[in-house]
Amino acid sequence: MNAELQFLTALQGLHTPARDAVMLFFTRLGNAGFVWIALAAILLLFRRTRRAGCILALALVCDLVLCNFILKPLVHRVRPCDLLPEAVLLIPHPSDYSFPSGHTAASFTAVAALWLAGKKRLAGATLVLGVFIAFSRLYLCVHFPTDILGGVLVGLACGWLGKWLWESFAQKQA
């Protein structure tokens, strides 16, 4: 058994009803990027935060395309819960592929977009939430650690891309 599967097997030994509830809470926050889409929508409502909301929204669109339409179908990586028969799946089996973690990518897209938009305190809060969401995916045995790492890298790139797209658009409008 490789190191990633050994690590995930060890995490399976940490399950308790209380931990399960906490991890389910965090993973559900990341479902379909809802928390990040909601944050972008809220930021778009106010003039003072509209620029950050636009950067975040653009970055999330980039993340959606890159993760779900390009990388997951291209890499075709099976999920660890399919390889570990002893894994207890607490959520419905995800229907897409494992690499990269979409929950993690969306979370770190938000972190990077907000940081680059100058909302550093908000980016710090999203970082904490993003780490919990990413860890929940390991705990629930639906991603390998390298899926999480891939999600972090994709998210950082998409955050940068969202800022670049916004700046390109803003320059054309000036």
N, C-alpha and C. Protein backbone atom coordinates (compact mmCIF):
# COMPACT_ATOMS: atom_id res chain seq x y z
N MET A 1 0.85 -1.18 0.00
CA MET A 1 0.00 0.00 0.00
C MET A 1 0.89 1.24 0.00
N ASN A 2 0.57 2.21 -0.85
CA ASN A 2 1.40 3.41 -0.93
C ASN A 2 1.16 4.35 0.26
N ALA A 3 2.02 5.34 0.38
CA ALA A 3 1.98 6.24 1.54
C ALA A 3 0.66 7.01 1.64
N GLU A 4 0.11 7.41 0.51
CA GLU A 4 -1.15 8.15 0.55
C GLU A 4 -2.28 7.28 1.10
N LEU A 5 -2.36 6.05 0.65
CA LEU A 5 -3.40 5.16 1.15
C LEU A 5 -3.18 4.81 2.62
N GLN A 6 -1.92 4.67 3.03
CA GLN A 6 -1.63 4.41 4.45
C GLN A 6 -2.10 5.59 5.31
N PHE A 7 -1.83 6.81 4.84
CA PHE A 7 -2.25 8.01 5.57
C PHE A 7 -3.78 8.04 5.69
N LEU A 8 -4.48 7.78 4.58
CA LEU A 8 -5.94 7.80 4.60
C LEU A 8 -6.51 6.68 5.47
N THR A 9 -5.85 5.54 5.48
CA THR A 9 -6.27 4.44 6.36
C THR A 9 -6.12 4.86 7.81
N ALA A 10 -5.02 5.53 8.14
CA ALA A 10 -4.83 6.02 9.50
C ALA A 10 -5.91 7.02 9.89
N LEU A 11 -6.30 7.89 8.95
CA LEU A 11 -7.37 8.85 9.24
C LEU A 11 -8.69 8.14 9.53
N GLN A 12 -8.91 7.00 8.90
CA GLN A 12 -10.15 6.25 9.14
C GLN A 12 -10.25 5.82 10.60
N GLY A 13 -9.10 5.66 11.26
CA GLY A 13 -9.09 5.29 12.67
C GLY A 13 -9.45 6.43 13.60
N LEU A 14 -9.55 7.65 13.08
CA LEU A 14 -9.87 8.82 13.91
C LEU A 14 -11.37 9.10 14.00
N HIS A 15 -12.17 8.35 13.28
CA HIS A 15 -13.61 8.65 13.22
C HIS A 15 -14.28 8.49 14.58
N THR A 16 -15.04 9.51 14.94
CA THR A 16 -15.95 9.48 16.08
C THR A 16 -17.22 10.20 15.60
N PRO A 17 -18.32 10.02 16.25
CA PRO A 17 -19.53 10.74 15.83
C PRO A 17 -19.35 12.27 15.83
N ALA A 18 -18.65 12.80 16.82
CA ALA A 18 -18.45 14.25 16.89
C ALA A 18 -17.55 14.73 15.75
N ARG A 19 -16.44 14.05 15.52
CA ARG A 19 -15.55 14.44 14.41
C ARG A 19 -16.25 14.29 13.07
N ASP A 20 -17.01 13.22 12.93
CA ASP A 20 -17.75 13.01 11.68
C ASP A 20 -18.68 14.20 11.42
N ALA A 21 -19.38 14.65 12.43
CA ALA A 21 -20.30 15.78 12.27
C ALA A 21 -19.57 17.04 11.87
N VAL A 22 -18.43 17.30 12.49
CA VAL A 22 -17.65 18.49 12.16
C VAL A 22 -17.15 18.42 10.72
N MET A 23 -16.62 17.29 10.32
CA MET A 23 -16.09 17.15 8.96
C MET A 23 -17.20 17.20 7.91
N LEU A 24 -18.36 16.64 8.24
CA LEU A 24 -19.49 16.74 7.32
C LEU A 24 -19.93 18.19 7.16
N PHE A 25 -19.91 18.95 8.26
CA PHE A 25 -20.26 20.37 8.20
C PHE A 25 -19.32 21.11 7.24
N PHE A 26 -18.02 20.90 7.41
CA PHE A 26 -17.06 21.63 6.57
C PHE A 26 -17.13 21.19 5.11
N THR A 27 -17.27 19.90 4.88
CA THR A 27 -17.32 19.45 3.49
C THR A 27 -18.58 19.97 2.80
N ARG A 28 -19.69 20.03 3.52
CA ARG A 28 -20.93 20.55 2.94
C ARG A 28 -20.83 22.04 2.63
N LEU A 29 -20.08 22.78 3.43
CA LEU A 29 -19.86 24.19 3.12
C LEU A 29 -19.19 24.36 1.76
N GLY A 30 -18.33 23.41 1.43
CA GLY A 30 -17.61 23.49 0.16
C GLY A 30 -18.35 22.88 -1.01
N ASN A 31 -19.49 22.21 -0.78
CA ASN A 31 -20.23 21.58 -1.87
C ASN A 31 -20.58 22.60 -2.94
N ALA A 32 -20.24 22.27 -4.18
CA ALA A 32 -20.54 23.10 -5.36
C ALA A 32 -19.99 24.51 -5.23
N GLY A 33 -19.02 24.72 -4.34
CA GLY A 33 -18.45 26.05 -4.16
C GLY A 33 -19.43 27.05 -3.59
N PHE A 34 -20.52 26.55 -2.99
CA PHE A 34 -21.61 27.43 -2.54
C PHE A 34 -21.13 28.57 -1.65
N VAL A 35 -20.32 28.26 -0.65
CA VAL A 35 -19.89 29.30 0.28
C VAL A 35 -19.10 30.39 -0.44
N TRP A 36 -18.31 30.00 -1.44
CA TRP A 36 -17.47 30.97 -2.17
C TRP A 36 -18.30 31.77 -3.17
N ILE A 37 -19.29 31.13 -3.77
CA ILE A 37 -20.20 31.84 -4.68
C ILE A 37 -21.02 32.85 -3.88
N ALA A 38 -21.50 32.43 -2.72
CA ALA A 38 -22.26 33.33 -1.86
C ALA A 38 -21.40 34.51 -1.42
N LEU A 39 -20.15 34.25 -1.07
CA LEU A 39 -19.25 35.33 -0.67
C LEU A 39 -19.04 36.31 -1.83
N ALA A 40 -18.83 35.79 -3.03
CA ALA A 40 -18.65 36.66 -4.20
C ALA A 40 -19.90 37.52 -4.40
N ALA A 41 -21.07 36.92 -4.27
CA ALA A 41 -22.33 37.66 -4.45
C ALA A 41 -22.47 38.77 -3.42
N ILE A 42 -22.12 38.46 -2.18
CA ILE A 42 -22.19 39.49 -1.12
C ILE A 42 -21.21 40.62 -1.42
N LEU A 43 -20.00 40.28 -1.81
CA LEU A 43 -19.00 41.31 -2.12
C LEU A 43 -19.44 42.18 -3.30
N LEU A 44 -20.14 41.60 -4.24
CA LEU A 44 -20.61 42.35 -5.41
C LEU A 44 -21.70 43.37 -5.05
N LEU A 45 -22.37 43.18 -3.94
CA LEU A 45 -23.46 44.07 -3.54
C LEU A 45 -23.00 45.46 -3.12
N PHE A 46 -21.79 45.56 -2.62
CA PHE A 46 -21.32 46.82 -2.03
C PHE A 46 -20.21 47.44 -2.87
N ARG A 47 -20.33 48.71 -3.11
CA ARG A 47 -19.36 49.42 -3.94
C ARG A 47 -17.92 49.23 -3.43
N ARG A 48 -17.75 49.29 -2.12
CA ARG A 48 -16.42 49.20 -1.52
C ARG A 48 -15.75 47.83 -1.75
N THR A 49 -16.56 46.79 -1.93
CA THR A 49 -16.00 45.45 -2.10
C THR A 49 -16.28 44.86 -3.48
N ARG A 50 -16.87 45.66 -4.36
CA ARG A 50 -17.28 45.15 -5.67
C ARG A 50 -16.11 44.64 -6.50
N ARG A 51 -14.98 45.34 -6.46
CA ARG A 51 -13.79 44.90 -7.21
C ARG A 51 -13.36 43.51 -6.75
N ALA A 52 -13.29 43.30 -5.44
CA ALA A 52 -12.92 41.99 -4.89
C ALA A 52 -13.94 40.93 -5.30
N GLY A 53 -15.22 41.28 -5.29
CA GLY A 53 -16.26 40.36 -5.70
C GLY A 53 -16.13 39.96 -7.17
N CYS A 54 -15.78 40.93 -8.01
CA CYS A 54 -15.57 40.63 -9.44
C CYS A 54 -14.37 39.72 -9.64
N ILE A 55 -13.28 40.02 -8.96
CA ILE A 55 -12.08 39.19 -9.07
C ILE A 55 -12.38 37.77 -8.59
N LEU A 56 -13.09 37.66 -7.47
CA LEU A 56 -13.43 36.34 -6.94
C LEU A 56 -14.35 35.60 -7.91
N ALA A 57 -15.35 36.26 -8.44
CA ALA A 57 -16.28 35.60 -9.37
C ALA A 57 -15.54 35.12 -10.62
N LEU A 58 -14.69 35.96 -11.19
CA LEU A 58 -13.91 35.55 -12.37
C LEU A 58 -13.01 34.36 -12.04
N ALA A 59 -12.38 34.42 -10.89
CA ALA A 59 -11.48 33.34 -10.48
C ALA A 59 -12.24 32.03 -10.30
N LEU A 60 -13.44 32.10 -9.73
CA LEU A 60 -14.24 30.89 -9.52
C LEU A 60 -14.70 30.28 -10.86
N VAL A 61 -14.99 31.12 -11.82
CA VAL A 61 -15.33 30.60 -13.15
C VAL A 61 -14.13 29.89 -13.76
N CYS A 62 -12.95 30.48 -13.63
CA CYS A 62 -11.72 29.84 -14.12
C CYS A 62 -11.51 28.49 -13.43
N ASP A 63 -11.73 28.46 -12.13
CA ASP A 63 -11.58 27.22 -11.36
C ASP A 63 -12.56 26.15 -11.84
N LEU A 64 -13.81 26.53 -12.04
CA LEU A 64 -14.82 25.58 -12.52
C LEU A 64 -14.39 24.95 -13.84
N VAL A 65 -13.96 25.78 -14.77
CA VAL A 65 -13.56 25.29 -16.09
C VAL A 65 -12.32 24.40 -15.98
N LEU A 66 -11.31 24.89 -15.29
CA LEU A 66 -10.05 24.15 -15.21
C LEU A 66 -10.21 22.83 -14.47
N CYS A 67 -10.88 22.86 -13.32
CA CYS A 67 -11.04 21.63 -12.51
C CYS A 67 -12.01 20.64 -13.14
N ASN A 68 -13.22 21.10 -13.35
CA ASN A 68 -14.29 20.17 -13.70
C ASN A 68 -14.37 19.81 -15.17
N PHE A 69 -13.94 20.70 -16.04
CA PHE A 69 -14.07 20.43 -17.47
C PHE A 69 -12.76 20.04 -18.14
N ILE A 70 -11.64 20.31 -17.49
CA ILE A 70 -10.35 19.98 -18.11
C ILE A 70 -9.60 18.93 -17.30
N LEU A 71 -9.21 19.25 -16.07
CA LEU A 71 -8.31 18.37 -15.32
C LEU A 71 -8.95 17.06 -14.87
N LYS A 72 -10.12 17.10 -14.26
CA LYS A 72 -10.73 15.85 -13.77
C LYS A 72 -10.94 14.85 -14.91
N PRO A 73 -11.54 15.25 -16.04
CA PRO A 73 -11.70 14.28 -17.13
C PRO A 73 -10.38 13.86 -17.77
N LEU A 74 -9.40 14.75 -17.77
CA LEU A 74 -8.11 14.44 -18.38
C LEU A 74 -7.31 13.45 -17.53
N VAL A 75 -7.27 13.67 -16.22
CA VAL A 75 -6.47 12.83 -15.32
C VAL A 75 -7.18 11.50 -15.02
N HIS A 76 -8.49 11.53 -14.88
CA HIS A 76 -9.26 10.29 -14.67
C HIS A 76 -8.83 9.51 -13.43
N ARG A 77 -8.54 10.18 -12.34
CA ARG A 77 -8.04 9.48 -11.15
C ARG A 77 -9.18 8.93 -10.31
N VAL A 78 -9.07 7.67 -9.98
CA VAL A 78 -10.06 7.00 -9.14
C VAL A 78 -9.97 7.57 -7.71
N ARG A 79 -11.06 7.50 -6.99
CA ARG A 79 -11.09 8.03 -5.62
C ARG A 79 -10.56 6.98 -4.64
N PRO A 80 -9.94 7.44 -3.54
CA PRO A 80 -9.37 6.49 -2.58
C PRO A 80 -10.42 5.59 -1.92
N CYS A 81 -11.63 6.09 -1.75
CA CYS A 81 -12.68 5.25 -1.14
C CYS A 81 -12.98 4.03 -2.01
N ASP A 82 -12.66 4.10 -3.30
CA ASP A 82 -12.85 2.96 -4.19
C ASP A 82 -11.74 1.92 -4.03
N LEU A 83 -10.63 2.34 -3.46
CA LEU A 83 -9.48 1.45 -3.30
C LEU A 83 -9.35 0.90 -1.88
N LEU A 84 -10.05 1.52 -0.96
CA LEU A 84 -9.98 1.10 0.45
C LEU A 84 -11.34 0.54 0.87
N PRO A 85 -11.50 -0.77 0.81
CA PRO A 85 -12.80 -1.36 1.14
C PRO A 85 -13.21 -1.11 2.59
N GLU A 86 -12.24 -0.84 3.47
CA GLU A 86 -12.58 -0.60 4.88
C GLU A 86 -13.05 0.83 5.13
N ALA A 87 -12.93 1.70 4.13
CA ALA A 87 -13.35 3.10 4.30
C ALA A 87 -14.87 3.17 4.42
N VAL A 88 -15.32 3.90 5.44
CA VAL A 88 -16.74 4.13 5.63
C VAL A 88 -17.08 5.47 4.99
N LEU A 89 -17.90 5.44 3.97
CA LEU A 89 -18.24 6.66 3.25
C LEU A 89 -19.45 7.31 3.92
N LEU A 90 -19.26 8.52 4.44
CA LEU A 90 -20.31 9.24 5.18
C LEU A 90 -21.11 10.17 4.29
N ILE A 91 -20.69 10.31 3.04
CA ILE A 91 -21.37 11.17 2.08
C ILE A 91 -21.69 10.32 0.85
N PRO A 92 -22.60 10.79 0.01
CA PRO A 92 -22.82 10.05 -1.23
C PRO A 92 -21.52 9.97 -2.04
N HIS A 93 -21.33 8.87 -2.71
CA HIS A 93 -20.11 8.69 -3.51
C HIS A 93 -20.05 9.76 -4.59
N PRO A 94 -18.97 10.56 -4.62
CA PRO A 94 -18.87 11.58 -5.67
C PRO A 94 -18.88 10.93 -7.05
N SER A 95 -19.53 11.59 -7.98
CA SER A 95 -19.70 11.00 -9.31
C SER A 95 -18.58 11.37 -10.28
N ASP A 96 -17.74 12.31 -9.89
CA ASP A 96 -16.65 12.71 -10.78
C ASP A 96 -15.33 12.11 -10.31
N TYR A 97 -14.26 12.49 -10.97
CA TYR A 97 -12.95 11.94 -10.64
C TYR A 97 -12.32 12.68 -9.47
N SER A 98 -11.20 12.15 -9.01
CA SER A 98 -10.59 12.60 -7.76
C SER A 98 -9.63 13.78 -7.90
N PHE A 99 -8.89 13.85 -9.00
CA PHE A 99 -7.84 14.88 -9.13
C PHE A 99 -8.24 15.96 -10.10
N PRO A 100 -8.10 17.21 -9.64
CA PRO A 100 -7.78 17.72 -8.30
C PRO A 100 -9.04 17.83 -7.45
N SER A 101 -8.86 18.07 -6.18
CA SER A 101 -10.00 18.27 -5.29
C SER A 101 -10.68 19.59 -5.64
N GLY A 102 -11.91 19.49 -6.09
CA GLY A 102 -12.66 20.69 -6.44
C GLY A 102 -12.99 21.55 -5.24
N HIS A 103 -13.31 20.91 -4.11
CA HIS A 103 -13.58 21.66 -2.88
C HIS A 103 -12.35 22.49 -2.49
N THR A 104 -11.18 21.85 -2.56
CA THR A 104 -9.94 22.54 -2.19
C THR A 104 -9.61 23.63 -3.19
N ALA A 105 -9.75 23.32 -4.47
CA ALA A 105 -9.43 24.30 -5.51
C ALA A 105 -10.30 25.54 -5.37
N ALA A 106 -11.59 25.37 -5.16
CA ALA A 106 -12.47 26.52 -4.99
C ALA A 106 -12.10 27.33 -3.75
N SER A 107 -11.76 26.62 -2.67
CA SER A 107 -11.38 27.30 -1.43
C SER A 107 -10.13 28.15 -1.63
N PHE A 108 -9.12 27.57 -2.26
CA PHE A 108 -7.87 28.31 -2.43
C PHE A 108 -7.94 29.32 -3.57
N THR A 109 -8.90 29.14 -4.47
CA THR A 109 -9.19 30.19 -5.44
C THR A 109 -9.68 31.42 -4.69
N ALA A 110 -10.57 31.21 -3.74
CA ALA A 110 -11.08 32.33 -2.94
C ALA A 110 -9.97 32.99 -2.14
N VAL A 111 -9.13 32.19 -1.51
CA VAL A 111 -8.01 32.74 -0.73
C VAL A 111 -7.14 33.63 -1.61
N ALA A 112 -6.71 33.09 -2.74
CA ALA A 112 -5.80 33.84 -3.62
C ALA A 112 -6.47 35.07 -4.20
N ALA A 113 -7.70 34.93 -4.67
CA ALA A 113 -8.40 36.06 -5.28
C ALA A 113 -8.58 37.20 -4.28
N LEU A 114 -8.97 36.86 -3.07
CA LEU A 114 -9.18 37.90 -2.05
C LEU A 114 -7.87 38.54 -1.62
N TRP A 115 -6.84 37.75 -1.49
CA TRP A 115 -5.52 38.28 -1.13
C TRP A 115 -5.04 39.25 -2.21
N LEU A 116 -5.13 38.82 -3.46
CA LEU A 116 -4.67 39.65 -4.58
C LEU A 116 -5.54 40.87 -4.80
N ALA A 117 -6.80 40.81 -4.35
CA ALA A 117 -7.70 41.95 -4.44
C ALA A 117 -7.49 42.93 -3.29
N GLY A 118 -6.56 42.61 -2.38
CA GLY A 118 -6.24 43.50 -1.28
C GLY A 118 -7.08 43.28 -0.04
N LYS A 119 -7.88 42.24 -0.01
CA LYS A 119 -8.72 41.92 1.15
C LYS A 119 -8.00 40.88 2.00
N LYS A 120 -6.89 41.28 2.60
CA LYS A 120 -6.01 40.34 3.27
C LYS A 120 -6.63 39.70 4.51
N ARG A 121 -7.38 40.46 5.31
CA ARG A 121 -8.01 39.86 6.49
C ARG A 121 -9.08 38.86 6.10
N LEU A 122 -9.85 39.19 5.09
CA LEU A 122 -10.86 38.25 4.60
C LEU A 122 -10.19 37.02 3.98
N ALA A 123 -9.08 37.23 3.30
CA ALA A 123 -8.32 36.10 2.74
C ALA A 123 -7.82 35.19 3.86
N GLY A 124 -7.39 35.77 4.96
CA GLY A 124 -6.94 34.97 6.10
C GLY A 124 -8.05 34.10 6.66
N ALA A 125 -9.24 34.67 6.77
CA ALA A 125 -10.39 33.89 7.26
C ALA A 125 -10.74 32.79 6.27
N THR A 126 -10.68 33.09 4.97
CA THR A 126 -10.99 32.06 3.98
C THR A 126 -9.92 30.97 3.98
N LEU A 127 -8.69 31.33 4.30
CA LEU A 127 -7.63 30.33 4.38
C LEU A 127 -7.95 29.31 5.48
N VAL A 128 -8.34 29.80 6.63
CA VAL A 128 -8.68 28.88 7.73
C VAL A 128 -9.84 27.97 7.32
N LEU A 129 -10.88 28.55 6.76
CA LEU A 129 -12.02 27.74 6.32
C LEU A 129 -11.60 26.77 5.22
N GLY A 130 -10.79 27.24 4.29
CA GLY A 130 -10.33 26.39 3.19
C GLY A 130 -9.51 25.20 3.67
N VAL A 131 -8.69 25.39 4.67
CA VAL A 131 -7.89 24.29 5.22
C VAL A 131 -8.82 23.24 5.84
N PHE A 132 -9.84 23.69 6.58
CA PHE A 132 -10.79 22.74 7.17
C PHE A 132 -11.56 22.00 6.09
N ILE A 133 -11.98 22.70 5.04
CA ILE A 133 -12.70 22.05 3.95
C ILE A 133 -11.80 21.02 3.29
N ALA A 134 -10.56 21.39 3.00
CA ALA A 134 -9.62 20.46 2.35
C ALA A 134 -9.38 19.24 3.23
N PHE A 135 -9.15 19.44 4.53
CA PHE A 135 -8.92 18.31 5.42
C PHE A 135 -10.14 17.40 5.49
N SER A 136 -11.32 17.99 5.45
CA SER A 136 -12.54 17.17 5.52
C SER A 136 -12.60 16.18 4.36
N ARG A 137 -12.06 16.56 3.21
CA ARG A 137 -12.08 15.68 2.04
C ARG A 137 -11.16 14.47 2.24
N LEU A 138 -10.07 14.68 2.97
CA LEU A 138 -9.18 13.57 3.33
C LEU A 138 -9.85 12.68 4.37
N TYR A 139 -10.38 13.31 5.39
CA TYR A 139 -11.03 12.59 6.48
C TYR A 139 -12.16 11.71 5.95
N LEU A 140 -12.90 12.22 4.98
CA LEU A 140 -14.02 11.48 4.41
C LEU A 140 -13.58 10.47 3.35
N CYS A 141 -12.29 10.41 3.08
CA CYS A 141 -11.68 9.43 2.19
C CYS A 141 -12.16 9.54 0.73
N VAL A 142 -12.42 10.77 0.29
CA VAL A 142 -12.82 10.97 -1.10
C VAL A 142 -11.73 11.61 -1.94
N HIS A 143 -10.61 11.95 -1.29
CA HIS A 143 -9.45 12.51 -2.00
C HIS A 143 -8.15 12.00 -1.41
N PHE A 144 -7.17 11.88 -2.28
CA PHE A 144 -5.80 11.60 -1.88
C PHE A 144 -5.14 12.91 -1.45
N PRO A 145 -4.09 12.84 -0.63
CA PRO A 145 -3.35 14.07 -0.29
C PRO A 145 -2.86 14.83 -1.53
N THR A 146 -2.43 14.12 -2.57
CA THR A 146 -1.97 14.83 -3.76
C THR A 146 -3.13 15.48 -4.52
N ASP A 147 -4.35 14.99 -4.35
CA ASP A 147 -5.51 15.69 -4.91
C ASP A 147 -5.69 17.04 -4.23
N ILE A 148 -5.45 17.05 -2.92
CA ILE A 148 -5.57 18.28 -2.14
C ILE A 148 -4.47 19.25 -2.58
N LEU A 149 -3.25 18.76 -2.69
CA LEU A 149 -2.14 19.61 -3.15
C LEU A 149 -2.44 20.17 -4.54
N GLY A 150 -2.93 19.32 -5.43
CA GLY A 150 -3.31 19.78 -6.77
C GLY A 150 -4.38 20.85 -6.70
N GLY A 151 -5.36 20.66 -5.81
CA GLY A 151 -6.42 21.66 -5.63
C GLY A 151 -5.89 22.99 -5.14
N VAL A 152 -4.94 22.94 -4.21
CA VAL A 152 -4.32 24.18 -3.72
C VAL A 152 -3.64 24.91 -4.87
N LEU A 153 -2.86 24.19 -5.66
CA LEU A 153 -2.12 24.82 -6.76
C LEU A 153 -3.06 25.36 -7.84
N VAL A 154 -4.08 24.59 -8.18
CA VAL A 154 -5.06 25.07 -9.16
C VAL A 154 -5.77 26.31 -8.61
N GLY A 155 -6.14 26.28 -7.35
CA GLY A 155 -6.82 27.42 -6.74
C GLY A 155 -5.97 28.68 -6.74
N LEU A 156 -4.70 28.54 -6.39
CA LEU A 156 -3.82 29.71 -6.39
C LEU A 156 -3.68 30.28 -7.80
N ALA A 157 -3.55 29.39 -8.78
CA ALA A 157 -3.44 29.83 -10.18
C ALA A 157 -4.73 30.51 -10.64
N CYS A 158 -5.87 29.98 -10.27
CA CYS A 158 -7.14 30.58 -10.68
C CYS A 158 -7.38 31.92 -9.99
N GLY A 159 -6.96 32.05 -8.75
CA GLY A 159 -7.05 33.34 -8.07
C GLY A 159 -6.24 34.39 -8.80
N TRP A 160 -5.03 34.02 -9.20
CA TRP A 160 -4.18 34.93 -9.97
C TRP A 160 -4.83 35.25 -11.32
N LEU A 161 -5.36 34.24 -11.97
CA LEU A 161 -5.99 34.42 -13.27
C LEU A 161 -7.22 35.34 -13.17
N GLY A 162 -8.00 35.19 -12.11
CA GLY A 162 -9.14 36.08 -11.90
C GLY A 162 -8.71 37.53 -11.77
N LYS A 163 -7.63 37.77 -11.04
CA LYS A 163 -7.12 39.15 -10.90
C LYS A 163 -6.61 39.65 -12.25
N TRP A 164 -5.89 38.82 -12.97
CA TRP A 164 -5.35 39.22 -14.28
C TRP A 164 -6.49 39.55 -15.25
N LEU A 165 -7.54 38.73 -15.26
CA LEU A 165 -8.69 39.00 -16.13
C LEU A 165 -9.37 40.31 -15.76
N TRP A 166 -9.53 40.56 -14.46
CA TRP A 166 -10.15 41.80 -14.01
C TRP A 166 -9.31 43.00 -14.43
N GLU A 167 -8.03 42.93 -14.22
CA GLU A 167 -7.16 44.04 -14.60
C GLU A 167 -7.16 44.27 -16.10
N SER A 168 -7.18 43.20 -16.87
CA SER A 168 -7.22 43.32 -18.33
C SER A 168 -8.53 44.00 -18.76
N PHE A 169 -9.63 43.60 -18.13
CA PHE A 169 -10.92 44.19 -18.43
C PHE A 169 -10.95 45.66 -18.00
N ALA A 170 -10.44 45.95 -16.81
CA ALA A 170 -10.46 47.33 -16.28
C ALA A 170 -9.62 48.25 -17.16
N GLN A 171 -8.50 47.78 -17.68
CA GLN A 171 -7.65 48.62 -18.54
C GLN A 171 -8.37 48.94 -19.84
N LYS A 172 -9.12 48.00 -20.37
CA LYS A 172 -9.85 48.25 -21.62
C LYS A 172 -10.98 49.23 -21.41
N GLN A 173 -11.52 49.28 -20.20
CA GLN A 173 -12.61 50.21 -19.89
C GLN A 173 -12.11 51.63 -19.59
N ALA A 174 -10.83 51.75 -19.26
CA ALA A 174 -10.27 53.06 -18.88
C ALA A 174 -9.98 53.92 -20.09
